[in-house]
């Protein structure tokens, strides 16, 4: 593997970690309606666990409401049951055609708890990025042992990897600040 491929691979892995972190934060309820809080809800549909977003249209008609319109109206009871059994924490209201989820306003204490959860997720994302950095530097050192790289090449490579790591960490911090602001103002 050339160093160009190694750097590209490292950058891709870090980008994927940041995207995963971003998706994870999307599932944290901030007191405003966001369809991504339903991403982890699976409905037993004809005996098969199926993601809710594949069985229904999810819209945000009001800032504090999600409306779920199952494509197959006969599955509405199954969708309700899946939402109740999930970790969403909101009781669905159904009229037989659509399901409405009214997002309650968050208390000050709950907002503080959620920012702590965000902080834990942030640290986990940073650890993932640092692990990717470590793997990449180990790879470069193996290449040096195999006489594929010189010692100077490895030092240059480590600087490039550190820059990627710093950029990824900065991006994680930016995402975190945005989510914390959303939670505290939501």
N, C-alpha and C. Protein backbone atom coordinates (compact mmCIF):
# COMPACT_ATOMS: atom_id res chain seq x y z
N UNK A 1 0.86 -1.19 0.00
CA UNK A 1 0.00 0.00 0.00
C UNK A 1 0.89 1.23 0.00
N UNK A 2 0.64 2.17 -0.88
CA UNK A 2 1.43 3.39 -0.92
C UNK A 2 0.94 4.34 0.16
N UNK A 3 1.78 5.34 0.47
CA UNK A 3 1.38 6.29 1.51
C UNK A 3 0.17 7.11 1.07
N UNK A 4 0.06 7.38 -0.25
CA UNK A 4 -1.12 8.11 -0.73
C UNK A 4 -2.39 7.34 -0.43
N UNK A 5 -2.34 6.02 -0.70
CA UNK A 5 -3.51 5.18 -0.41
C UNK A 5 -3.77 5.11 1.09
N UNK A 6 -2.70 5.06 1.86
CA UNK A 6 -2.82 4.98 3.31
C UNK A 6 -3.47 6.25 3.85
N UNK A 7 -3.05 7.40 3.35
CA UNK A 7 -3.64 8.67 3.80
C UNK A 7 -5.10 8.75 3.37
N UNK A 8 -5.37 8.37 2.14
CA UNK A 8 -6.74 8.42 1.63
C UNK A 8 -7.64 7.50 2.46
N UNK A 9 -7.16 6.30 2.73
CA UNK A 9 -7.91 5.33 3.53
C UNK A 9 -8.17 5.87 4.94
N UNK A 10 -7.14 6.47 5.53
CA UNK A 10 -7.28 7.03 6.87
C UNK A 10 -8.31 8.15 6.88
N UNK A 11 -8.23 9.01 5.87
CA UNK A 11 -9.19 10.12 5.79
C UNK A 11 -10.61 9.60 5.63
N UNK A 12 -10.80 8.58 4.80
CA UNK A 12 -12.13 8.01 4.59
C UNK A 12 -12.68 7.42 5.89
N UNK A 13 -11.82 6.71 6.62
CA UNK A 13 -12.26 6.10 7.88
C UNK A 13 -12.65 7.17 8.90
N UNK A 14 -11.88 8.26 8.95
CA UNK A 14 -12.21 9.34 9.89
C UNK A 14 -13.52 10.02 9.48
N UNK A 15 -13.71 10.22 8.19
CA UNK A 15 -14.96 10.82 7.70
C UNK A 15 -16.15 9.94 8.07
N UNK A 16 -16.00 8.63 7.92
CA UNK A 16 -17.08 7.71 8.28
C UNK A 16 -17.38 7.78 9.78
N UNK A 17 -16.34 7.93 10.60
CA UNK A 17 -16.55 8.04 12.04
C UNK A 17 -17.33 9.31 12.38
N UNK A 18 -16.99 10.40 11.70
CA UNK A 18 -17.70 11.66 11.93
C UNK A 18 -19.15 11.53 11.49
N UNK A 19 -19.39 10.89 10.35
CA UNK A 19 -20.76 10.70 9.87
C UNK A 19 -21.55 9.83 10.84
N UNK A 20 -20.93 8.79 11.37
CA UNK A 20 -21.61 7.91 12.33
C UNK A 20 -21.96 8.70 13.60
N UNK A 21 -21.04 9.54 14.04
CA UNK A 21 -21.28 10.39 15.22
C UNK A 21 -22.46 11.33 14.96
N UNK A 22 -22.47 11.92 13.80
CA UNK A 22 -23.55 12.83 13.43
C UNK A 22 -24.91 12.11 13.43
N UNK A 23 -24.93 10.89 12.86
CA UNK A 23 -26.18 10.10 12.85
C UNK A 23 -26.60 9.76 14.27
N UNK A 24 -25.64 9.42 15.11
CA UNK A 24 -25.94 9.07 16.49
C UNK A 24 -26.56 10.26 17.22
N UNK A 25 -26.02 11.45 16.99
CA UNK A 25 -26.58 12.65 17.64
C UNK A 25 -27.98 12.93 17.13
N UNK A 26 -28.25 12.57 15.88
CA UNK A 26 -29.58 12.79 15.31
C UNK A 26 -30.66 12.02 16.03
N UNK A 27 -30.28 10.94 16.70
CA UNK A 27 -31.28 10.13 17.41
C UNK A 27 -31.56 10.68 18.81
N UNK A 28 -30.81 11.70 19.23
CA UNK A 28 -31.04 12.29 20.55
C UNK A 28 -32.10 13.38 20.40
N UNK A 29 -33.18 13.21 21.13
CA UNK A 29 -34.32 14.12 21.05
C UNK A 29 -33.95 15.45 21.69
N UNK A 30 -34.16 16.54 20.96
CA UNK A 30 -33.80 17.86 21.47
C UNK A 30 -35.01 18.75 21.73
N UNK A 31 -36.19 18.17 21.84
CA UNK A 31 -37.38 18.96 22.12
C UNK A 31 -38.04 19.52 20.87
N UNK A 32 -37.46 19.23 19.72
CA UNK A 32 -38.08 19.63 18.45
C UNK A 32 -38.26 18.38 17.62
N UNK A 33 -39.26 18.39 16.75
CA UNK A 33 -39.54 17.22 15.93
C UNK A 33 -38.42 17.01 14.93
N UNK A 34 -37.91 15.78 14.89
CA UNK A 34 -36.85 15.41 13.97
C UNK A 34 -37.07 13.94 13.62
N UNK A 35 -37.30 13.66 12.36
CA UNK A 35 -37.63 12.29 11.94
C UNK A 35 -36.53 11.30 12.29
N UNK A 36 -35.30 11.75 12.46
CA UNK A 36 -34.20 10.81 12.74
C UNK A 36 -34.33 10.15 14.11
N UNK A 37 -35.19 10.66 15.01
CA UNK A 37 -35.37 9.98 16.30
C UNK A 37 -36.05 8.63 16.10
N UNK A 38 -36.65 8.41 14.92
CA UNK A 38 -37.31 7.14 14.63
C UNK A 38 -36.42 6.19 13.83
N UNK A 39 -35.18 6.57 13.56
CA UNK A 39 -34.29 5.76 12.72
C UNK A 39 -34.06 4.35 13.27
N UNK A 40 -34.06 4.21 14.59
CA UNK A 40 -33.77 2.90 15.16
C UNK A 40 -35.01 2.07 15.45
N UNK A 41 -36.19 2.60 15.07
CA UNK A 41 -37.44 1.87 15.31
C UNK A 41 -37.66 0.84 14.20
N UNK A 42 -37.77 -0.42 14.60
CA UNK A 42 -38.06 -1.51 13.66
C UNK A 42 -39.45 -2.06 13.95
N UNK A 43 -40.22 -2.24 12.90
CA UNK A 43 -41.59 -2.75 13.00
C UNK A 43 -41.58 -4.20 12.53
N UNK A 44 -42.26 -5.07 13.28
CA UNK A 44 -42.41 -6.46 12.83
C UNK A 44 -43.51 -6.45 11.77
N UNK A 45 -43.10 -6.58 10.52
CA UNK A 45 -44.02 -6.48 9.39
C UNK A 45 -43.98 -7.81 8.65
N UNK A 46 -45.08 -8.53 8.69
CA UNK A 46 -45.16 -9.89 8.13
C UNK A 46 -44.02 -10.77 8.67
N UNK A 47 -43.78 -10.64 9.98
CA UNK A 47 -42.81 -11.49 10.65
C UNK A 47 -41.36 -11.06 10.49
N UNK A 48 -41.11 -9.94 9.80
CA UNK A 48 -39.74 -9.51 9.55
C UNK A 48 -39.53 -8.12 10.18
N UNK A 49 -38.47 -7.96 11.02
CA UNK A 49 -38.19 -6.61 11.54
C UNK A 49 -37.78 -5.68 10.39
N UNK A 50 -38.55 -4.62 10.21
CA UNK A 50 -38.34 -3.69 9.10
C UNK A 50 -38.22 -2.28 9.64
N UNK A 51 -37.22 -1.50 9.18
CA UNK A 51 -37.10 -0.11 9.64
C UNK A 51 -38.38 0.68 9.34
N UNK A 52 -38.82 1.47 10.31
CA UNK A 52 -40.05 2.24 10.18
C UNK A 52 -40.04 3.13 8.93
N UNK A 53 -38.88 3.72 8.63
CA UNK A 53 -38.84 4.65 7.49
C UNK A 53 -39.01 3.94 6.15
N UNK A 54 -39.00 2.60 6.13
CA UNK A 54 -39.29 1.86 4.90
C UNK A 54 -40.77 1.49 4.78
N UNK A 55 -41.49 1.63 5.90
CA UNK A 55 -42.91 1.26 5.92
C UNK A 55 -43.85 2.45 5.92
N UNK A 56 -43.29 3.64 6.15
CA UNK A 56 -44.17 4.80 6.31
C UNK A 56 -43.46 6.09 5.91
N UNK A 57 -44.27 7.05 5.52
CA UNK A 57 -43.75 8.40 5.29
C UNK A 57 -43.75 9.13 6.62
N UNK A 58 -42.66 9.83 6.91
CA UNK A 58 -42.55 10.55 8.18
C UNK A 58 -42.39 12.02 7.85
N UNK A 59 -43.33 12.84 8.33
CA UNK A 59 -43.29 14.27 8.06
C UNK A 59 -43.31 15.06 9.36
N UNK A 60 -42.97 16.34 9.27
CA UNK A 60 -42.96 17.24 10.42
C UNK A 60 -43.93 18.39 10.12
N UNK A 61 -45.24 18.18 10.42
CA UNK A 61 -46.22 19.22 10.11
C UNK A 61 -46.12 20.46 11.01
N UNK A 62 -45.61 20.27 12.22
CA UNK A 62 -45.45 21.35 13.19
C UNK A 62 -44.09 21.16 13.88
N UNK A 63 -43.53 22.22 14.47
CA UNK A 63 -42.21 22.10 15.10
C UNK A 63 -42.12 21.03 16.18
N UNK A 64 -43.21 20.71 16.85
CA UNK A 64 -43.17 19.71 17.93
C UNK A 64 -44.00 18.47 17.61
N UNK A 65 -44.18 18.17 16.33
CA UNK A 65 -44.99 17.00 15.98
C UNK A 65 -44.40 16.25 14.78
N UNK A 66 -44.41 14.93 14.90
CA UNK A 66 -44.06 14.05 13.78
C UNK A 66 -45.34 13.36 13.34
N UNK A 67 -45.52 13.22 12.04
CA UNK A 67 -46.68 12.51 11.53
C UNK A 67 -46.18 11.33 10.71
N UNK A 68 -46.65 10.14 11.08
CA UNK A 68 -46.24 8.91 10.42
C UNK A 68 -47.42 8.38 9.63
N UNK A 69 -47.23 8.23 8.31
CA UNK A 69 -48.30 7.73 7.43
C UNK A 69 -47.86 6.40 6.84
N UNK A 70 -48.31 5.28 7.45
CA UNK A 70 -47.92 3.96 6.92
C UNK A 70 -48.43 3.78 5.49
N UNK A 71 -47.59 3.22 4.63
CA UNK A 71 -47.99 2.97 3.24
C UNK A 71 -49.09 1.90 3.20
N UNK A 72 -48.97 0.94 4.13
CA UNK A 72 -49.97 -0.12 4.24
C UNK A 72 -50.77 0.17 5.52
N UNK A 73 -52.00 0.66 5.38
CA UNK A 73 -52.81 1.08 6.54
C UNK A 73 -53.05 -0.06 7.52
N UNK A 74 -52.99 -1.31 7.04
CA UNK A 74 -53.21 -2.44 7.95
C UNK A 74 -52.05 -2.61 8.93
N UNK A 75 -50.92 -1.95 8.69
CA UNK A 75 -49.77 -2.10 9.59
C UNK A 75 -49.74 -1.04 10.68
N UNK A 76 -50.77 -0.19 10.75
CA UNK A 76 -50.75 0.93 11.70
C UNK A 76 -50.63 0.46 13.15
N UNK A 77 -51.28 -0.65 13.50
CA UNK A 77 -51.20 -1.17 14.87
C UNK A 77 -49.79 -1.67 15.17
N UNK A 78 -49.17 -2.33 14.19
CA UNK A 78 -47.80 -2.81 14.37
C UNK A 78 -46.82 -1.64 14.53
N UNK A 79 -47.05 -0.57 13.78
CA UNK A 79 -46.18 0.61 13.87
C UNK A 79 -46.31 1.24 15.26
N UNK A 80 -47.56 1.37 15.73
CA UNK A 80 -47.78 1.92 17.08
C UNK A 80 -47.07 1.08 18.14
N UNK A 81 -47.22 -0.24 18.03
CA UNK A 81 -46.60 -1.14 18.99
C UNK A 81 -45.07 -0.99 18.98
N UNK A 82 -44.48 -0.89 17.80
CA UNK A 82 -43.03 -0.74 17.68
C UNK A 82 -42.56 0.57 18.31
N UNK A 83 -43.32 1.63 18.12
CA UNK A 83 -42.94 2.92 18.71
C UNK A 83 -43.02 2.85 20.23
N UNK A 84 -44.07 2.22 20.75
CA UNK A 84 -44.22 2.07 22.20
C UNK A 84 -43.08 1.24 22.81
N UNK A 85 -42.63 0.21 22.08
CA UNK A 85 -41.59 -0.67 22.60
C UNK A 85 -40.18 -0.10 22.40
N UNK A 86 -40.06 0.95 21.59
CA UNK A 86 -38.74 1.53 21.32
C UNK A 86 -38.31 2.44 22.46
N UNK A 87 -37.10 3.02 22.29
CA UNK A 87 -36.59 3.94 23.31
C UNK A 87 -36.94 5.41 22.99
N UNK A 88 -37.93 5.62 22.11
CA UNK A 88 -38.30 6.98 21.72
C UNK A 88 -38.91 7.72 22.92
N UNK A 89 -39.73 7.01 23.71
CA UNK A 89 -40.29 7.61 24.92
C UNK A 89 -41.47 8.54 24.68
N UNK A 90 -42.15 8.37 23.55
CA UNK A 90 -43.32 9.20 23.24
C UNK A 90 -44.48 8.27 22.91
N UNK A 91 -45.64 8.54 23.49
CA UNK A 91 -46.81 7.72 23.21
C UNK A 91 -47.44 8.16 21.89
N UNK A 92 -47.62 7.22 20.96
CA UNK A 92 -48.21 7.58 19.67
C UNK A 92 -49.73 7.78 19.78
N UNK A 93 -50.24 8.72 18.99
CA UNK A 93 -51.69 8.96 18.90
C UNK A 93 -52.10 8.60 17.47
N UNK A 94 -53.08 7.69 17.35
CA UNK A 94 -53.49 7.24 16.02
C UNK A 94 -54.96 7.53 15.78
N UNK A 95 -55.28 7.87 14.52
CA UNK A 95 -56.68 8.05 14.14
C UNK A 95 -57.09 6.98 13.13
N UNK A 96 -56.27 5.94 12.98
CA UNK A 96 -56.57 4.87 12.04
C UNK A 96 -55.96 5.11 10.67
N UNK A 97 -55.60 6.35 10.37
CA UNK A 97 -55.00 6.71 9.08
C UNK A 97 -53.52 7.07 9.25
N UNK A 98 -53.25 7.94 10.24
CA UNK A 98 -51.89 8.38 10.52
C UNK A 98 -51.62 8.29 12.01
N UNK A 99 -50.33 8.31 12.35
CA UNK A 99 -49.92 8.31 13.76
C UNK A 99 -49.23 9.64 14.00
N UNK A 100 -49.60 10.28 15.10
CA UNK A 100 -48.96 11.54 15.46
C UNK A 100 -48.14 11.34 16.73
N UNK A 101 -46.94 11.88 16.72
CA UNK A 101 -46.09 11.88 17.91
C UNK A 101 -45.88 13.34 18.30
N UNK A 102 -46.39 13.72 19.45
CA UNK A 102 -46.21 15.08 19.94
C UNK A 102 -44.97 15.09 20.84
N UNK A 103 -44.01 15.88 20.44
CA UNK A 103 -42.74 15.95 21.18
C UNK A 103 -42.92 16.90 22.36
N UNK A 104 -42.77 16.40 23.59
CA UNK A 104 -42.94 17.29 24.74
C UNK A 104 -41.75 18.24 24.87
N UNK A 105 -42.02 19.40 25.47
CA UNK A 105 -40.93 20.34 25.73
C UNK A 105 -40.02 19.73 26.79
N UNK A 106 -38.73 20.01 26.67
CA UNK A 106 -37.77 19.45 27.61
C UNK A 106 -37.63 20.35 28.84
N UNK A 107 -37.46 19.70 29.99
CA UNK A 107 -37.20 20.46 31.21
C UNK A 107 -35.73 20.84 31.23
N UNK A 108 -35.39 21.78 32.09
CA UNK A 108 -33.99 22.22 32.23
C UNK A 108 -33.09 21.03 32.62
N UNK A 109 -33.59 20.20 33.54
CA UNK A 109 -32.81 19.05 33.98
C UNK A 109 -32.56 18.07 32.82
N UNK A 110 -33.62 17.84 32.05
CA UNK A 110 -33.50 16.90 30.91
C UNK A 110 -32.53 17.44 29.86
N UNK A 111 -32.57 18.76 29.64
CA UNK A 111 -31.64 19.37 28.70
C UNK A 111 -30.19 19.16 29.16
N UNK A 112 -29.97 19.34 30.47
CA UNK A 112 -28.63 19.15 31.03
C UNK A 112 -28.20 17.69 30.87
N UNK A 113 -29.11 16.75 31.15
CA UNK A 113 -28.81 15.33 30.97
C UNK A 113 -28.42 15.03 29.52
N UNK A 114 -29.19 15.58 28.59
CA UNK A 114 -28.94 15.32 27.17
C UNK A 114 -27.59 15.89 26.72
N UNK A 115 -27.19 17.04 27.27
CA UNK A 115 -25.88 17.58 26.89
C UNK A 115 -24.77 16.68 27.43
N UNK A 116 -25.01 16.04 28.58
CA UNK A 116 -24.02 15.08 29.09
C UNK A 116 -23.92 13.86 28.18
N UNK A 117 -25.07 13.41 27.66
CA UNK A 117 -25.08 12.28 26.72
C UNK A 117 -24.31 12.66 25.46
N UNK A 118 -24.53 13.87 25.00
CA UNK A 118 -23.82 14.36 23.81
C UNK A 118 -22.31 14.37 24.09
N UNK A 119 -21.93 14.81 25.29
CA UNK A 119 -20.51 14.82 25.67
C UNK A 119 -19.89 13.44 25.64
N UNK A 120 -20.64 12.44 26.12
CA UNK A 120 -20.13 11.06 26.10
C UNK A 120 -19.98 10.56 24.66
N UNK A 121 -20.96 10.88 23.83
CA UNK A 121 -20.89 10.48 22.42
C UNK A 121 -19.72 11.17 21.73
N UNK A 122 -19.49 12.43 22.09
CA UNK A 122 -18.38 13.19 21.52
C UNK A 122 -17.05 12.51 21.87
N UNK A 123 -16.90 12.13 23.13
CA UNK A 123 -15.65 11.49 23.54
C UNK A 123 -15.46 10.15 22.82
N UNK A 124 -16.55 9.40 22.66
CA UNK A 124 -16.46 8.12 21.95
C UNK A 124 -16.04 8.34 20.49
N UNK A 125 -16.55 9.39 19.87
CA UNK A 125 -16.18 9.70 18.48
C UNK A 125 -14.70 10.09 18.39
N UNK A 126 -14.23 10.86 19.36
CA UNK A 126 -12.82 11.26 19.36
C UNK A 126 -11.91 10.05 19.58
N UNK A 127 -12.34 9.14 20.45
CA UNK A 127 -11.56 7.92 20.67
C UNK A 127 -11.47 7.11 19.37
N UNK A 128 -12.58 7.03 18.65
CA UNK A 128 -12.58 6.30 17.38
C UNK A 128 -11.59 6.93 16.40
N UNK A 129 -11.58 8.26 16.34
CA UNK A 129 -10.65 8.95 15.43
C UNK A 129 -9.20 8.70 15.87
N UNK A 130 -8.95 8.75 17.17
CA UNK A 130 -7.58 8.50 17.66
C UNK A 130 -7.15 7.06 17.38
N UNK A 131 -8.09 6.12 17.46
CA UNK A 131 -7.76 4.73 17.13
C UNK A 131 -7.40 4.59 15.65
N UNK A 132 -8.10 5.31 14.80
CA UNK A 132 -7.80 5.29 13.37
C UNK A 132 -6.40 5.86 13.14
N UNK A 133 -6.08 6.94 13.85
CA UNK A 133 -4.73 7.53 13.75
C UNK A 133 -3.68 6.51 14.16
N UNK A 134 -3.91 5.86 15.28
CA UNK A 134 -2.94 4.86 15.78
C UNK A 134 -2.74 3.75 14.75
N UNK A 135 -3.85 3.25 14.19
CA UNK A 135 -3.76 2.19 13.18
C UNK A 135 -2.95 2.63 11.97
N UNK A 136 -3.18 3.87 11.54
CA UNK A 136 -2.49 4.39 10.36
C UNK A 136 -0.99 4.54 10.62
N UNK A 137 -0.64 5.03 11.80
CA UNK A 137 0.78 5.19 12.13
C UNK A 137 1.44 3.82 12.27
N UNK A 138 0.74 2.87 12.86
CA UNK A 138 1.28 1.49 12.94
C UNK A 138 1.54 0.93 11.55
N UNK A 139 0.62 1.19 10.65
CA UNK A 139 0.77 0.71 9.27
C UNK A 139 2.03 1.31 8.64
N UNK A 140 2.25 2.60 8.86
CA UNK A 140 3.43 3.27 8.30
C UNK A 140 4.71 2.68 8.89
N UNK A 141 4.69 2.38 10.17
CA UNK A 141 5.89 1.80 10.82
C UNK A 141 6.18 0.40 10.29
N UNK A 142 5.11 -0.35 10.00
CA UNK A 142 5.31 -1.68 9.39
C UNK A 142 5.93 -1.52 8.01
N UNK A 143 5.47 -0.51 7.27
CA UNK A 143 6.03 -0.27 5.93
C UNK A 143 7.50 0.11 6.04
N UNK A 144 7.86 0.83 7.10
CA UNK A 144 9.27 1.21 7.30
C UNK A 144 10.09 -0.05 7.59
N UNK A 145 9.57 -0.94 8.43
CA UNK A 145 10.27 -2.19 8.74
C UNK A 145 10.49 -3.04 7.50
N UNK A 146 9.52 -2.98 6.60
CA UNK A 146 9.62 -3.76 5.36
C UNK A 146 10.42 -3.01 4.28
N UNK A 147 11.07 -1.91 4.68
CA UNK A 147 11.87 -1.08 3.78
C UNK A 147 11.06 -0.50 2.62
N UNK A 148 9.77 -0.28 2.84
CA UNK A 148 8.93 0.37 1.83
C UNK A 148 8.95 1.88 2.02
N UNK A 149 9.28 2.33 3.25
CA UNK A 149 9.35 3.75 3.57
C UNK A 149 10.65 4.04 4.32
N UNK A 150 11.13 5.30 4.18
CA UNK A 150 12.28 5.71 4.96
C UNK A 150 11.78 6.31 6.27
N UNK A 151 12.70 6.54 7.19
CA UNK A 151 12.34 7.12 8.47
C UNK A 151 11.75 8.53 8.28
N UNK A 152 12.31 9.28 7.34
CA UNK A 152 11.79 10.63 7.05
C UNK A 152 10.38 10.56 6.48
N UNK A 153 10.14 9.57 5.60
CA UNK A 153 8.80 9.39 5.03
C UNK A 153 7.78 9.14 6.15
N UNK A 154 8.16 8.32 7.10
CA UNK A 154 7.26 7.99 8.21
C UNK A 154 6.95 9.24 9.03
N UNK A 155 7.98 10.06 9.27
CA UNK A 155 7.75 11.30 10.03
C UNK A 155 6.81 12.24 9.28
N UNK A 156 7.00 12.37 7.96
CA UNK A 156 6.10 13.21 7.15
C UNK A 156 4.68 12.65 7.20
N UNK A 157 4.61 11.35 7.09
CA UNK A 157 3.32 10.68 7.10
C UNK A 157 2.61 10.92 8.44
N UNK A 158 3.36 10.80 9.54
CA UNK A 158 2.76 11.02 10.86
C UNK A 158 2.23 12.44 10.99
N UNK A 159 2.94 13.42 10.40
CA UNK A 159 2.45 14.81 10.44
C UNK A 159 1.14 14.93 9.67
N UNK A 160 1.07 14.29 8.51
CA UNK A 160 -0.15 14.34 7.71
C UNK A 160 -1.32 13.69 8.46
N UNK A 161 -1.06 12.56 9.08
CA UNK A 161 -2.10 11.85 9.85
C UNK A 161 -2.55 12.70 11.03
N UNK A 162 -1.58 13.36 11.69
CA UNK A 162 -1.95 14.22 12.83
C UNK A 162 -2.83 15.37 12.36
N UNK A 163 -2.53 15.93 11.19
CA UNK A 163 -3.37 17.02 10.65
C UNK A 163 -4.79 16.50 10.38
N UNK A 164 -4.90 15.31 9.79
CA UNK A 164 -6.22 14.71 9.55
C UNK A 164 -6.97 14.52 10.88
N UNK A 165 -6.24 14.06 11.89
CA UNK A 165 -6.82 13.82 13.21
C UNK A 165 -7.31 15.13 13.82
N UNK A 166 -6.47 16.17 13.72
CA UNK A 166 -6.86 17.48 14.27
C UNK A 166 -8.10 18.02 13.56
N UNK A 167 -8.14 17.87 12.23
CA UNK A 167 -9.29 18.34 11.46
C UNK A 167 -10.56 17.57 11.86
N UNK A 168 -10.43 16.25 12.02
CA UNK A 168 -11.58 15.42 12.39
C UNK A 168 -12.08 15.80 13.79
N UNK A 169 -11.16 16.00 14.70
CA UNK A 169 -11.52 16.36 16.07
C UNK A 169 -12.22 17.73 16.08
N UNK A 170 -11.71 18.65 15.28
CA UNK A 170 -12.32 19.98 15.20
C UNK A 170 -13.75 19.86 14.66
N UNK A 171 -13.95 19.03 13.65
CA UNK A 171 -15.28 18.83 13.06
C UNK A 171 -16.24 18.22 14.09
N UNK A 172 -15.75 17.26 14.87
CA UNK A 172 -16.56 16.64 15.92
C UNK A 172 -16.98 17.70 16.94
N UNK A 173 -16.03 18.57 17.32
CA UNK A 173 -16.34 19.64 18.27
C UNK A 173 -17.40 20.59 17.71
N UNK A 174 -17.30 20.93 16.42
CA UNK A 174 -18.28 21.82 15.79
C UNK A 174 -19.67 21.19 15.80
N UNK A 175 -19.75 19.90 15.48
CA UNK A 175 -21.03 19.19 15.48
C UNK A 175 -21.62 19.18 16.89
N UNK A 176 -20.75 18.95 17.88
CA UNK A 176 -21.19 18.89 19.27
C UNK A 176 -21.75 20.23 19.72
N UNK A 177 -21.07 21.31 19.41
CA UNK A 177 -21.54 22.65 19.80
C UNK A 177 -22.92 22.91 19.19
N UNK A 178 -23.10 22.54 17.93
CA UNK A 178 -24.38 22.72 17.28
C UNK A 178 -25.49 21.94 17.96
N UNK A 179 -25.21 20.69 18.31
CA UNK A 179 -26.23 19.85 18.97
C UNK A 179 -26.54 20.37 20.36
N UNK A 180 -25.51 20.77 21.11
CA UNK A 180 -25.75 21.29 22.45
C UNK A 180 -26.59 22.57 22.40
N UNK A 181 -26.31 23.41 21.40
CA UNK A 181 -27.09 24.63 21.23
C UNK A 181 -28.55 24.28 20.91
N UNK A 182 -28.75 23.29 20.03
CA UNK A 182 -30.10 22.84 19.67
C UNK A 182 -30.84 22.33 20.91
N UNK A 183 -30.15 21.58 21.75
CA UNK A 183 -30.79 21.03 22.96
C UNK A 183 -31.15 22.15 23.94
N UNK A 184 -30.23 23.05 24.17
CA UNK A 184 -30.46 24.09 25.18
C UNK A 184 -31.49 25.12 24.72
N UNK A 185 -31.60 25.34 23.40
CA UNK A 185 -32.55 26.33 22.93
C UNK A 185 -33.88 25.70 22.51
N UNK A 186 -33.83 24.37 22.17
CA UNK A 186 -34.98 23.66 21.64
C UNK A 186 -36.19 23.78 22.48
